[in-house]
PDB file of N, CA and C in Angstrom:
ATOM      1  N   MET A   1     -15.553  15.775  -1.212  1.00  0.00           N
ATOM      2  CA  MET A   1     -14.692  14.449  -0.998  1.00  0.00           C
ATOM      3  C   MET A   1     -15.454  13.494  -0.127  1.00  0.00           C
ATOM      4  N   VAL A   2     -15.222  12.409  -0.303  1.00  0.00           N
ATOM      5  CA  VAL A   2     -15.720  11.144   0.660  1.00  0.00           C
ATOM      6  C   VAL A   2     -14.618  10.490   0.959  1.00  0.00           C
ATOM      7  N   TYR A   3     -14.569  10.039   2.253  1.00  0.00           N
ATOM      8  CA  TYR A   3     -13.381   9.350   2.864  1.00  0.00           C
ATOM      9  C   TYR A   3     -14.114   8.098   3.406  1.00  0.00           C
ATOM     10  N   ALA A   4     -13.601   7.006   2.874  1.00  0.00           N
ATOM     11  CA  ALA A   4     -14.224   5.660   3.432  1.00  0.00           C
ATOM     12  C   ALA A   4     -13.042   4.703   3.841  1.00  0.00           C
ATOM     13  N   SER A   5     -13.202   4.041   4.751  1.00  0.00           N
ATOM     14  CA  SER A   5     -12.216   2.723   5.366  1.00  0.00           C
ATOM     15  C   SER A   5     -12.947   1.623   5.165  1.00  0.00           C
ATOM     16  N   VAL A   6     -12.178   0.654   4.767  1.00  0.00           N
ATOM     17  CA  VAL A   6     -12.649  -0.719   4.510  1.00  0.00           C
ATOM     18  C   VAL A   6     -11.621  -1.491   5.302  1.00  0.00           C
ATOM     19  N   VAL A   7     -12.064  -2.440   6.324  1.00  0.00           N
ATOM     20  CA  VAL A   7     -11.070  -3.007   7.064  1.00  0.00           C
ATOM     21  C   VAL A   7     -11.158  -4.465   7.190  1.00  0.00           C
ATOM     22  N   THR A   8     -10.227  -5.246   7.466  1.00  0.00           N
ATOM     23  CA  THR A   8     -10.234  -6.682   7.582  1.00  0.00           C
ATOM     24  C   THR A   8      -9.323  -7.059   8.640  1.00  0.00           C
ATOM     25  N   ALA A   9      -9.502  -8.054   9.318  1.00  0.00           N
ATOM     26  CA  ALA A   9      -8.675  -8.331  10.503  1.00  0.00           C
ATOM     27  C   ALA A   9      -8.565 -10.037  10.584  1.00  0.00           C
ATOM     28  N   TRP A  10      -7.580 -10.304  11.405  1.00  0.00           N
ATOM     29  CA  TRP A  10      -7.437 -11.693  11.635  1.00  0.00           C
ATOM     30  C   TRP A  10      -6.910 -12.015  13.032  1.00  0.00           C
ATOM     31  N   GLN A  11      -7.254 -13.056  13.791  1.00  0.00           N
ATOM     32  CA  GLN A  11      -6.899 -13.260  15.192  1.00  0.00           C
ATOM     33  C   GLN A  11      -5.411 -13.277  15.106  1.00  0.00           C
ATOM     34  N   ASP A  12      -4.690 -13.216  16.296  1.00  0.00           N
ATOM     35  CA  ASP A  12      -3.298 -13.626  16.582  1.00  0.00           C
ATOM     36  C   ASP A  12      -3.068 -14.958  16.575  1.00  0.00           C
ATOM     37  N   GLY A  13      -2.284 -15.379  15.792  1.00  0.00           N
ATOM     38  CA  GLY A  13      -1.889 -16.744  15.607  1.00  0.00           C
ATOM     39  C   GLY A  13      -2.506 -17.349  14.329  1.00  0.00           C
ATOM     40  N   ALA A  14      -3.105 -16.392  13.608  1.00  0.00           N
ATOM     41  CA  ALA A  14      -3.769 -16.978  12.440  1.00  0.00           C
ATOM     42  C   ALA A  14      -2.744 -17.514  11.441  1.00  0.00           C
ATOM     43  N   ASN A  15      -3.122 -18.637  10.694  1.00  0.00           N
ATOM     44  CA  ASN A  15      -2.232 -19.301   9.803  1.00  0.00           C
ATOM     45  C   ASN A  15      -2.265 -18.453   8.384  1.00  0.00           C
ATOM     46  N   PHE A  16      -1.293 -18.606   7.551  1.00  0.00           N
ATOM     47  CA  PHE A  16      -1.192 -17.944   6.227  1.00  0.00           C
ATOM     48  C   PHE A  16      -2.302 -18.136   5.447  1.00  0.00           C
ATOM     49  N   THR A  17      -3.051 -19.383   5.462  1.00  0.00           N
ATOM     50  CA  THR A  17      -4.252 -19.374   4.712  1.00  0.00           C
ATOM     51  C   THR A  17      -5.439 -18.541   5.103  1.00  0.00           C
ATOM     52  N   GLU A  18      -5.627 -18.235   6.470  1.00  0.00           N
ATOM     53  CA  GLU A  18      -6.527 -17.329   7.044  1.00  0.00           C
ATOM     54  C   GLU A  18      -6.309 -15.916   6.898  1.00  0.00           C
ATOM     55  N   ILE A  19      -4.889 -15.501   6.819  1.00  0.00           N
ATOM     56  CA  ILE A  19      -4.538 -14.222   6.530  1.00  0.00           C
ATOM     57  C   ILE A  19      -4.964 -14.085   4.989  1.00  0.00           C
ATOM     58  N   GLN A  20      -4.436 -14.784   4.083  1.00  0.00           N
ATOM     59  CA  GLN A  20      -4.659 -14.756   2.838  1.00  0.00           C
ATOM     60  C   GLN A  20      -6.077 -14.580   2.352  1.00  0.00           C
ATOM     61  N   ALA A  21      -7.033 -15.471   3.058  1.00  0.00           N
ATOM     62  CA  ALA A  21      -8.451 -15.335   2.871  1.00  0.00           C
ATOM     63  C   ALA A  21      -9.003 -13.875   3.282  1.00  0.00           C
ATOM     64  N   ALA A  22      -8.523 -13.491   4.440  1.00  0.00           N
ATOM     65  CA  ALA A  22      -8.893 -12.049   4.871  1.00  0.00           C
ATOM     66  C   ALA A  22      -8.723 -11.014   3.876  1.00  0.00           C
ATOM     67  N   ARG A  23      -7.351 -11.028   3.344  1.00  0.00           N
ATOM     68  CA  ARG A  23      -6.869 -10.291   2.466  1.00  0.00           C
ATOM     69  C   ARG A  23      -7.634 -10.206   1.035  1.00  0.00           C
ATOM     70  N   GLN A  24      -8.054 -11.325   0.749  1.00  0.00           N
ATOM     71  CA  GLN A  24      -8.700 -11.489  -0.477  1.00  0.00           C
ATOM     72  C   GLN A  24     -10.158 -10.847  -0.333  1.00  0.00           C
ATOM     73  N   LEU A  25     -10.761 -11.029   0.839  1.00  0.00           N
ATOM     74  CA  LEU A  25     -11.894 -10.368   0.952  1.00  0.00           C
ATOM     75  C   LEU A  25     -11.703  -8.673   0.769  1.00  0.00           C
ATOM     76  N   LEU A  26     -10.682  -8.198   1.285  1.00  0.00           N
ATOM     77  CA  LEU A  26     -10.377  -6.783   1.392  1.00  0.00           C
ATOM     78  C   LEU A  26      -9.995  -6.292   0.032  1.00  0.00           C
ATOM     79  N   ILE A  27      -9.430  -7.286  -0.853  1.00  0.00           N
ATOM     80  CA  ILE A  27      -9.291  -6.873  -2.333  1.00  0.00           C
ATOM     81  C   ILE A  27     -10.425  -6.795  -2.958  1.00  0.00           C
ATOM     82  N   GLN A  28     -11.308  -7.732  -2.674  1.00  0.00           N
ATOM     83  CA  GLN A  28     -12.769  -7.731  -3.430  1.00  0.00           C
ATOM     84  C   GLN A  28     -13.385  -6.427  -3.131  1.00  0.00           C
ATOM     85  N   ASP A  29     -13.550  -6.129  -1.841  1.00  0.00           N
ATOM     86  CA  ASP A  29     -14.252  -4.942  -1.387  1.00  0.00           C
ATOM     87  C   ASP A  29     -13.445  -3.580  -2.094  1.00  0.00           C
ATOM     88  N   MET A  30     -12.223  -3.580  -2.138  1.00  0.00           N
ATOM     89  CA  MET A  30     -11.468  -2.285  -2.888  1.00  0.00           C
ATOM     90  C   MET A  30     -11.951  -2.353  -4.367  1.00  0.00           C
ATOM     91  N   LYS A  31     -12.229  -3.418  -5.015  1.00  0.00           N
ATOM     92  CA  LYS A  31     -12.743  -3.523  -6.323  1.00  0.00           C
ATOM     93  C   LYS A  31     -14.046  -2.831  -6.366  1.00  0.00           C
ATOM     94  N   ILE A  32     -14.741  -3.181  -5.632  1.00  0.00           N
ATOM     95  CA  ILE A  32     -16.205  -2.431  -5.513  1.00  0.00           C
ATOM     96  C   ILE A  32     -15.982  -0.943  -5.352  1.00  0.00           C
ATOM     97  N   ILE A  33     -15.122  -0.443  -4.403  1.00  0.00           N
ATOM     98  CA  ILE A  33     -14.893   0.965  -4.189  1.00  0.00           C
ATOM     99  C   ILE A  33     -14.389   1.681  -5.588  1.00  0.00           C
ATOM    100  N   GLU A  34     -13.485   0.979  -6.167  1.00  0.00           N
ATOM    101  CA  GLU A  34     -12.968   1.417  -7.425  1.00  0.00           C
ATOM    102  C   GLU A  34     -13.899   1.456  -8.506  1.00  0.00           C
ATOM    103  N   ALA A  35     -14.760   0.531  -8.587  1.00  0.00           N
ATOM    104  CA  ALA A  35     -15.858   0.617  -9.561  1.00  0.00           C
ATOM    105  C   ALA A  35     -16.908   1.755  -9.433  1.00  0.00           C
ATOM    106  N   ILE A  36     -17.155   2.159  -8.169  1.00  0.00           N
ATOM    107  CA  ILE A  36     -18.093   3.142  -7.854  1.00  0.00           C
ATOM    108  C   ILE A  36     -17.416   4.485  -8.192  1.00  0.00           C
ATOM    109  N   ALA A  37     -16.238   4.768  -7.894  1.00  0.00           N
ATOM    110  CA  ALA A  37     -15.449   6.026  -8.241  1.00  0.00           C
ATOM    111  C   ALA A  37     -14.071   5.655  -8.908  1.00  0.00           C
ATOM    112  N   PRO A  38     -14.262   5.292 -10.219  1.00  0.00           N
ATOM    113  CA  PRO A  38     -13.148   4.924 -10.931  1.00  0.00           C
ATOM    114  C   PRO A  38     -12.087   5.985 -11.044  1.00  0.00           C
ATOM    115  N   GLU A  39     -12.310   7.350 -11.129  1.00  0.00           N
ATOM    116  CA  GLU A  39     -11.404   8.265 -11.101  1.00  0.00           C
ATOM    117  C   GLU A  39     -10.778   8.817  -9.875  1.00  0.00           C
ATOM    118  N   SER A  40     -11.317   8.051  -8.772  1.00  0.00           N
ATOM    119  CA  SER A  40     -10.763   8.495  -7.411  1.00  0.00           C
ATOM    120  C   SER A  40      -9.613   7.685  -7.094  1.00  0.00           C
ATOM    121  N   GLY A  41      -8.771   7.906  -5.887  1.00  0.00           N
ATOM    122  CA  GLY A  41      -7.799   7.214  -5.359  1.00  0.00           C
ATOM    123  C   GLY A  41      -8.347   6.177  -4.358  1.00  0.00           C
ATOM    124  N   ALA A  42      -8.237   5.041  -4.471  1.00  0.00           N
ATOM    125  CA  ALA A  42      -8.485   4.001  -3.503  1.00  0.00           C
ATOM    126  C   ALA A  42      -7.255   3.109  -3.435  1.00  0.00           C
ATOM    127  N   TYR A  43      -6.756   2.967  -2.237  1.00  0.00           N
ATOM    128  CA  TYR A  43      -5.445   2.210  -2.050  1.00  0.00           C
ATOM    129  C   TYR A  43      -5.386   1.502  -0.550  1.00  0.00           C
ATOM    130  N   LEU A  44      -4.710   0.503  -0.314  1.00  0.00           N
ATOM    131  CA  LEU A  44      -4.555  -0.296   0.623  1.00  0.00           C
ATOM    132  C   LEU A  44      -3.290   0.224   1.555  1.00  0.00           C
ATOM    133  N   ASN A  45      -3.430   0.372   2.945  1.00  0.00           N
ATOM    134  CA  ASN A  45      -2.470   0.365   3.764  1.00  0.00           C
ATOM    135  C   ASN A  45      -2.566  -0.736   4.772  1.00  0.00           C
ATOM    136  N   GLU A  46      -1.666  -0.823   5.699  1.00  0.00           N
ATOM    137  CA  GLU A  46      -1.621  -1.941   6.647  1.00  0.00           C
ATOM    138  C   GLU A  46      -1.522  -1.235   7.916  1.00  0.00           C
ATOM    139  N   VAL A  47      -2.291  -1.813   8.889  1.00  0.00           N
ATOM    140  CA  VAL A  47      -2.297  -1.345  10.295  1.00  0.00           C
ATOM    141  C   VAL A  47      -2.037  -2.625  11.195  1.00  0.00           C
ATOM    142  N   ARG A  48      -0.908  -2.467  12.062  1.00  0.00           N
ATOM    143  CA  ARG A  48      -0.941  -3.702  12.850  1.00  0.00           C
ATOM    144  C   ARG A  48      -1.059  -3.213  14.422  1.00  0.00           C
ATOM    145  N   GLU A  49      -1.547  -4.278  15.169  1.00  0.00           N
ATOM    146  CA  GLU A  49      -1.719  -3.949  16.573  1.00  0.00           C
ATOM    147  C   GLU A  49      -0.744  -4.508  17.389  1.00  0.00           C
ATOM    148  N   SER A  50      -0.485  -3.645  18.295  1.00  0.00           N
ATOM    149  CA  SER A  50       0.626  -4.458  19.292  1.00  0.00           C
ATOM    150  C   SER A  50       0.078  -4.584  20.889  1.00  0.00           C
ATOM    151  N   HIS A  51       0.363  -5.313  21.438  1.00  0.00           N
ATOM    152  CA  HIS A  51      -0.080  -5.627  22.691  1.00  0.00           C
ATOM    153  C   HIS A  51       0.697  -4.988  23.891  1.00  0.00           C
ATOM    154  N   ALA A  52       1.793  -4.623  23.265  1.00  0.00           N
ATOM    155  CA  ALA A  52       2.790  -3.849  24.176  1.00  0.00           C
ATOM    156  C   ALA A  52       2.459  -2.673  24.571  1.00  0.00           C
ATOM    157  N   SER A  53       2.838  -2.079  25.734  1.00  0.00           N
ATOM    158  CA  SER A  53       2.424  -0.664  26.020  1.00  0.00           C
ATOM    159  C   SER A  53       3.453   0.372  25.455  1.00  0.00           C
ATOM    160  N   HIS A  54       2.820   1.356  24.921  1.00  0.00           N
ATOM    161  CA  HIS A  54       3.509   2.407  24.139  1.00  0.00           C
ATOM    162  C   HIS A  54       4.098   3.259  25.343  1.00  0.00           C
ATOM    163  N   PRO A  55       5.535   3.630  25.237  1.00  0.00           N
ATOM    164  CA  PRO A  55       5.877   4.622  26.448  1.00  0.00           C
ATOM    165  C   PRO A  55       5.296   5.904  26.469  1.00  0.00           C
ATOM    166  N   HIS A  56       4.637   6.502  25.653  1.00  0.00           N
ATOM    167  CA  HIS A  56       3.858   7.724  25.870  1.00  0.00           C
ATOM    168  C   HIS A  56       2.426   7.569  25.752  1.00  0.00           C
ATOM    169  N   SER A  57       2.032   6.377  26.120  1.00  0.00           N
ATOM    170  CA  SER A  57       0.554   6.097  26.337  1.00  0.00           C
ATOM    171  C   SER A  57       0.206   5.301  27.425  1.00  0.00           C
ATOM    172  N   HIS A  58      -1.143   5.663  28.078  1.00  0.00           N
ATOM    173  CA  HIS A  58      -1.497   4.770  29.136  1.00  0.00           C
ATOM    174  C   HIS A  58      -2.439   3.564  28.702  1.00  0.00           C
ATOM    175  N   GLN A  59      -2.509   3.491  27.561  1.00  0.00           N
ATOM    176  CA  GLN A  59      -3.376   2.710  26.909  1.00  0.00           C
ATOM    177  C   GLN A  59      -2.661   1.164  26.956  1.00  0.00           C
ATOM    178  N   PRO A  60      -3.205   0.120  27.127  1.00  0.00           N
ATOM    179  CA  PRO A  60      -2.655  -1.169  27.200  1.00  0.00           C
ATOM    180  C   PRO A  60      -2.042  -1.698  25.792  1.00  0.00           C
ATOM    181  N   HIS A  61      -2.483  -1.136  24.910  1.00  0.00           N
ATOM    182  CA  HIS A  61      -1.980  -1.513  23.567  1.00  0.00           C
ATOM    183  C   HIS A  61      -2.067  -0.508  22.482  1.00  0.00           C
ATOM    184  N   PHE A  62      -1.626  -0.368  21.366  1.00  0.00           N
ATOM    185  CA  PHE A  62      -1.478   0.614  20.446  1.00  0.00           C
ATOM    186  C   PHE A  62      -1.497  -0.070  19.079  1.00  0.00           C
ATOM    187  N   PHE A  63      -1.627   0.996  18.050  1.00  0.00           N
ATOM    188  CA  PHE A  63      -1.553   0.459  16.746  1.00  0.00           C
ATOM    189  C   PHE A  63      -0.394   1.010  15.827  1.00  0.00           C
ATOM    190  N   PHE A  64       0.193   0.280  15.077  1.00  0.00           N
ATOM    191  CA  PHE A  64       1.234   0.713  14.249  1.00  0.00           C
ATOM    192  C   PHE A  64       0.696   1.056  12.793  1.00  0.00           C
ATOM    193  N   PHE A  65       0.792   1.992  12.318  1.00  0.00           N
ATOM    194  CA  PHE A  65       0.320   2.234  10.853  1.00  0.00           C
ATOM    195  C   PHE A  65       1.557   2.217   9.785  1.00  0.00           C
ATOM    196  N   PHE A  66       1.457   1.414   9.004  1.00  0.00           N
ATOM    197  CA  PHE A  66       2.471   1.488   7.815  1.00  0.00           C
ATOM    198  C   PHE A  66       2.029   1.910   6.464  1.00  0.00           C
ATOM    199  N   PRO A  67       2.285   3.401   6.421  1.00  0.00           N
ATOM    200  CA  PRO A  67       1.812   3.856   5.124  1.00  0.00           C
ATOM    201  C   PRO A  67       2.625   3.468   4.044  1.00  0.00           C
ATOM    202  N   GLN A  68       2.525   2.318   3.503  1.00  0.00           N
ATOM    203  CA  GLN A  68       3.275   1.798   2.438  1.00  0.00           C
ATOM    204  C   GLN A  68       2.356   1.287   1.346  1.00  0.00           C
ATOM    205  N   ALA A  69       3.033   1.282  -0.003  1.00  0.00           N
ATOM    206  CA  ALA A  69       2.350   0.537  -0.837  1.00  0.00           C
ATOM    207  C   ALA A  69       1.985  -0.887  -0.580  1.00  0.00           C
ATOM    208  N   SER A  70       0.750  -1.159  -1.028  1.00  0.00           N
ATOM    209  CA  SER A  70       0.351  -2.666  -0.880  1.00  0.00           C
ATOM    210  C   SER A  70       0.574  -3.396  -2.260  1.00  0.00           C
ATOM    211  N   ARG A  71       0.883  -4.673  -2.049  1.00  0.00           N
ATOM    212  CA  ARG A  71       1.204  -5.497  -3.137  1.00  0.00           C
ATOM    213  C   ARG A  71      -0.106  -6.026  -3.888  1.00  0.00           C
ATOM    214  N   TYR A  72      -1.059  -5.555  -3.216  1.00  0.00           N
ATOM    215  CA  TYR A  72      -2.588  -5.924  -3.595  1.00  0.00           C
ATOM    216  C   TYR A  72      -3.119  -4.785  -4.440  1.00  0.00           C
ATOM    217  N   GLU A  73      -2.450  -3.706  -4.544  1.00  0.00           N
ATOM    218  CA  GLU A  73      -3.008  -2.430  -5.317  1.00  0.00           C
ATOM    219  C   GLU A  73      -3.175  -2.796  -6.654  1.00  0.00           C
ATOM    220  N   SER A  74      -4.341  -2.693  -7.283  1.00  0.00           N
ATOM    221  CA  SER A  74      -4.552  -3.014  -8.773  1.00  0.00           C
ATOM    222  C   SER A  74      -4.073  -2.079  -9.616  1.00  0.00           C
ATOM    223  N   ASP A  75      -4.161  -0.859  -9.426  1.00  0.00           N
ATOM    224  CA  ASP A  75      -3.340   0.251 -10.235  1.00  0.00           C
ATOM    225  C   ASP A  75      -2.884   1.180  -9.595  1.00  0.00           C
ATOM    226  N   TRP A  76      -1.597   0.809  -9.047  1.00  0.00           N
ATOM    227  CA  TRP A  76      -0.779   1.645  -8.098  1.00  0.00           C
ATOM    228  C   TRP A  76      -0.380   3.123  -8.727  1.00  0.00           C
ATOM    229  N   LYS A  77       0.061   3.046  -9.945  1.00  0.00           N
ATOM    230  CA  LYS A  77       0.322   4.445 -10.441  1.00  0.00           C
ATOM    231  C   LYS A  77      -0.639   5.342 -10.299  1.00  0.00           C
ATOM    232  N   LYS A  78      -1.760   5.010 -10.604  1.00  0.00           N
ATOM    233  CA  LYS A  78      -3.131   5.812 -10.603  1.00  0.00           C
ATOM    234  C   LYS A  78      -3.485   6.175  -9.151  1.00  0.00           C
ATOM    235  N   SER A  79      -3.427   5.116  -8.393  1.00  0.00           N
ATOM    236  CA  SER A  79      -4.037   5.252  -6.975  1.00  0.00           C
ATOM    237  C   SER A  79      -3.035   6.389  -6.129  1.00  0.00           C
ATOM    238  N   PHE A  80      -1.627   6.033  -6.410  1.00  0.00           N
ATOM    239  CA  PHE A  80      -0.868   6.722  -5.587  1.00  0.00           C
ATOM    240  C   PHE A  80      -0.324   8.205  -6.260  1.00  0.00           C
ATOM    241  N   PHE A  81      -0.257   8.176  -7.436  1.00  0.00           N
ATOM    242  CA  PHE A  81       0.218   9.344  -8.224  1.00  0.00           C
ATOM    243  C   PHE A  81      -0.586  10.062  -9.052  1.00  0.00           C
ATOM    244  N   GLY A  82      -1.681   9.505  -9.452  1.00  0.00           N
ATOM    245  CA  GLY A  82      -2.635  10.040 -10.354  1.00  0.00           C
ATOM    246  C   GLY A  82      -2.235  10.351 -11.651  1.00  0.00           C
ATOM    247  N   THR A  83      -2.438  11.723 -12.071  1.00  0.00           N
ATOM    248  CA  THR A  83      -1.922  12.179 -13.477  1.00  0.00           C
ATOM    249  C   THR A  83      -0.580  12.840 -13.360  1.00  0.00           C
ATOM    250  N   HIS A  84      -0.018  12.712 -12.094  1.00  0.00           N
ATOM    251  CA  HIS A  84       1.374  13.270 -11.789  1.00  0.00           C
ATOM    252  C   HIS A  84       2.378  12.112 -12.239  1.00  0.00           C
ATOM    253  N   TYR A  85       2.253  10.807 -12.408  1.00  0.00           N
ATOM    254  CA  TYR A  85       3.213  10.032 -12.348  1.00  0.00           C
ATOM    255  C   TYR A  85       4.345  10.328 -13.567  1.00  0.00           C
ATOM    256  N   ASP A  86       3.908  10.756 -14.796  1.00  0.00           N
ATOM    257  CA  ASP A  86       4.999  11.056 -15.738  1.00  0.00           C
ATOM    258  C   ASP A  86       5.820  12.209 -15.524  1.00  0.00           C
ATOM    259  N   LYS A  87       5.375  13.167 -14.737  1.00  0.00           N
ATOM    260  CA  LYS A  87       6.142  14.387 -14.332  1.00  0.00           C
ATOM    261  C   LYS A  87       7.095  13.865 -13.187  1.00  0.00           C
ATOM    262  N   LEU A  88       6.622  13.175 -12.214  1.00  0.00           N
ATOM    263  CA  LEU A  88       7.423  12.532 -10.942  1.00  0.00           C
ATOM    264  C   LEU A  88       8.601  11.745 -11.581  1.00  0.00           C
ATOM    265  N   ARG A  89       8.129  10.822 -12.647  1.00  0.00           N
ATOM    266  CA  ARG A  89       9.071   9.977 -13.314  1.00  0.00           C
ATOM    267  C   ARG A  89      10.091  10.882 -13.972  1.00  0.00           C
ATOM    268  N   ALA A  90      10.186  11.893 -14.737  1.00  0.00           N
ATOM    269  CA  ALA A  90      11.055  12.859 -15.249  1.00  0.00           C
ATOM    270  C   ALA A  90      11.660  13.473 -14.167  1.00  0.00           C
ATOM    271  N   ILE A  91      11.208  13.705 -13.086  1.00  0.00           N
ATOM    272  CA  ILE A  91      11.925  14.415 -12.097  1.00  0.00           C
ATOM    273  C   ILE A  91      13.081  13.416 -11.345  1.00  0.00           C
ATOM    274  N   LYS A  92      12.488  12.224 -11.286  1.00  0.00           N
ATOM    275  CA  LYS A  92      13.473  11.059 -10.691  1.00  0.00           C
ATOM    276  C   LYS A  92      14.411  10.644 -11.709  1.00  0.00           C
ATOM    277  N   GLN A  93      14.243  10.730 -12.984  1.00  0.00           N
ATOM    278  CA  GLN A  93      15.437  10.471 -13.653  1.00  0.00           C
ATOM    279  C   GLN A  93      16.348  11.546 -13.812  1.00  0.00           C
ATOM    280  N   LYS A  94      16.010  12.847 -13.535  1.00  0.00           N
ATOM    281  CA  LYS A  94      16.902  13.779 -13.425  1.00  0.00           C
ATOM    282  C   LYS A  94      17.732  13.789 -12.249  1.00  0.00           C
ATOM    283  N   TYR A  95      17.263  13.565 -11.076  1.00  0.00           N
ATOM    284  CA  TYR A  95      17.915  13.591  -9.838  1.00  0.00           C
ATOM    285  C   TYR A  95      18.336  12.190  -9.359  1.00  0.00           C
ATOM    286  N   ASP A  96      17.855  11.161  -9.841  1.00  0.00           N
ATOM    287  CA  ASP A  96      18.253   9.745  -9.491  1.00  0.00           C
ATOM    288  C   ASP A  96      18.356   8.994 -10.824  1.00  0.00           C
ATOM    289  N   PRO A  97      19.314   9.411 -11.740  1.00  0.00           N
ATOM    290  CA  PRO A  97      19.446   8.715 -13.102  1.00  0.00           C
ATOM    291  C   PRO A  97      19.961   7.321 -12.968  1.00  0.00           C
ATOM    292  N   LYS A  98      20.408   6.935 -11.686  1.00  0.00           N
ATOM    293  CA  LYS A  98      20.924   5.482 -11.761  1.00  0.00           C
ATOM    294  C   LYS A  98      19.934   4.568 -10.689  1.00  0.00           C
ATOM    295  N   SER A  99      18.728   5.361 -10.274  1.00  0.00           N
ATOM    296  CA  SER A  99      17.709   4.563  -9.687  1.00  0.00           C
ATOM    297  C   SER A  99      18.347   3.899  -8.359  1.00  0.00           C
ATOM    298  N   LEU A 100      18.907   4.788  -7.706  1.00  0.00           N
ATOM    299  CA  LEU A 100      19.392   4.262  -6.291  1.00  0.00           C
ATOM    300  C   LEU A 100      18.401   4.280  -5.226  1.00  0.00           C
ATOM    301  N   PHE A 101      17.430   5.063  -5.341  1.00  0.00           N
ATOM    302  CA  PHE A 101      16.223   5.159  -4.467  1.00  0.00           C
ATOM    303  C   PHE A 101      15.251   4.361  -4.936  1.00  0.00           C
ATOM    304  N   LEU A 102      14.800   3.384  -4.648  1.00  0.00           N
ATOM    305  CA  LEU A 102      13.812   2.367  -4.967  1.00  0.00           C
ATOM    306  C   LEU A 102      12.811   2.022  -3.792  1.00  0.00           C
ATOM    307  N   ILE A 103      11.483   2.068  -4.174  1.00  0.00           N
ATOM    308  CA  ILE A 103      10.549   1.431  -3.071  1.00  0.00           C
ATOM    309  C   ILE A 103       9.502   0.695  -3.876  1.00  0.00           C
ATOM    310  N   TYR A 104       8.843  -0.386  -3.321  1.00  0.00           N
ATOM    311  CA  TYR A 104       8.062  -1.133  -4.045  1.00  0.00           C
ATOM    312  C   TYR A 104       6.735  -0.165  -4.376  1.00  0.00           C
ATOM    313  N   GLU A 105       6.287  -0.343  -5.611  1.00  0.00           N
ATOM    314  CA  GLU A 105       5.331   0.526  -6.323  1.00  0.00           C
ATOM    315  C   GLU A 105       5.663   2.136  -6.003  1.00  0.00           C
ATOM    316  N   GLY A 106       6.835   2.371  -6.185  1.00  0.00           N
ATOM    317  CA  GLY A 106       7.206   3.810  -6.261  1.00  0.00           C
ATOM    318  C   GLY A 106       7.486   4.148  -7.401  1.00  0.00           C
ATOM    319  N   VAL A 107       7.722   5.488  -7.704  1.00  0.00           N
ATOM    320  CA  VAL A 107       8.125   5.990  -9.023  1.00  0.00           C
ATOM    321  C   VAL A 107       9.443   5.296  -9.594  1.00  0.00           C
ATOM    322  N   GLY A 108       9.106   4.859 -10.686  1.00  0.00           N
ATOM    323  CA  GLY A 108      10.275   4.061 -11.249  1.00  0.00           C
ATOM    324  C   GLY A 108      10.558   2.687 -11.107  1.00  0.00           C
ATOM    325  N   SER A 109       9.625   2.202 -10.213  1.00  0.00           N
ATOM    326  CA  SER A 109       9.675   0.740  -9.663  1.00  0.00           C
ATOM    327  C   SER A 109       9.305  -0.241 -10.796  1.00  0.00           C
ATOM    328  N   ASP A 110       8.367   0.240 -11.891  1.00  0.00           N
ATOM    329  CA  ASP A 110       7.885  -0.612 -12.775  1.00  0.00           C
ATOM    330  C   ASP A 110       9.016  -1.015 -13.584  1.00  0.00           C
ATOM    331  N   GLU A 111      10.100  -0.330 -13.609  1.00  0.00           N
ATOM    332  CA  GLU A 111      11.310  -0.782 -14.636  1.00  0.00           C
ATOM    333  C   GLU A 111      12.232  -1.741 -13.878  1.00  0.00           C
ATOM    334  N   TRP A 112      11.854  -2.307 -12.788  1.00  0.00           N
ATOM    335  CA  TRP A 112      12.548  -3.231 -12.103  1.00  0.00           C
ATOM    336  C   TRP A 112      11.555  -4.524 -11.908  1.00  0.00           C
ATOM    337  N   ASP A 113      12.374  -5.657 -11.614  1.00  0.00           N
ATOM    338  CA  ASP A 113      11.663  -7.006 -11.429  1.00  0.00           C
ATOM    339  C   ASP A 113      10.899  -6.991 -10.077  1.00  0.00           C
ATOM    340  N   ALA A 114      10.160  -7.871  -9.667  1.00  0.00           N
ATOM    341  CA  ALA A 114       9.330  -7.698  -8.426  1.00  0.00           C
ATOM    342  C   ALA A 114       9.927  -7.675  -7.349  1.00  0.00           C
ATOM    343  N   ASP A 115      11.245  -7.942  -7.135  1.00  0.00           N
ATOM    344  CA  ASP A 115      12.043  -7.879  -5.943  1.00  0.00           C
ATOM    345  C   ASP A 115      12.911  -6.618  -5.976  1.00  0.00           C
ATOM    346  N   LEU A 116      12.764  -5.795  -6.962  1.00  0.00           N
ATOM    347  CA  LEU A 116      13.637  -4.478  -7.184  1.00  0.00           C
ATOM    348  C   LEU A 116      15.092  -4.892  -7.241  1.00  0.00           C
ATOM    349  N   VAL A 117      15.705  -6.070  -7.820  1.00  0.00           N
ATOM    350  CA  VAL A 117      16.898  -6.485  -7.958  1.00  0.00           C
ATOM    351  C   VAL A 117      17.575  -6.044  -9.353  1.00  0.00           C
ATOM    352  N   CYS A 118      16.712  -6.468 -10.385  1.00  0.00           N
ATOM    353  CA  CYS A 118      17.160  -6.146 -11.655  1.00  0.00           C
ATOM    354  C   CYS A 118      16.184  -5.399 -12.577  1.00  0.00           C
ATOM    355  N   ARG A 119      16.810  -4.824 -13.392  1.00  0.00           N
ATOM    356  CA  ARG A 119      15.858  -3.962 -14.358  1.00  0.00           C
ATOM    357  C   ARG A 119      15.286  -5.066 -15.526  1.00  0.00           C
ATOM    358  N   VAL A 120      13.932  -4.610 -15.706  1.00  0.00           N
ATOM    359  CA  VAL A 120      13.414  -5.443 -16.558  1.00  0.00           C
ATOM    360  C   VAL A 120      13.459  -4.783 -18.120  1.00  0.00           C
TER     361      VAL A 120
END
């Protein structure tokens, strides 16, 4: 197993265009990794830095890690669930037949619009 991290960053106060440009570079890097190992999982997560003091740390700042699906993931079903998606979908249909529990790029979310408001 190989674990690799590709990181991009922008300065505090960066405008939308600067942030989007940094994200596009990250997306390009992810495509390279996916091409090298097409059967592996490669996915994006967000980390945000805070300059506030953490109550349990003596460090002047700390990082928040948001383990969530990225809207930039090219093949989220494969990256997050691999070959298990169909089985997970059947389990979800059994225990959540009305799809009350939804999350962006989660099991069953492909049956909803981009805002998870209406079924498609």
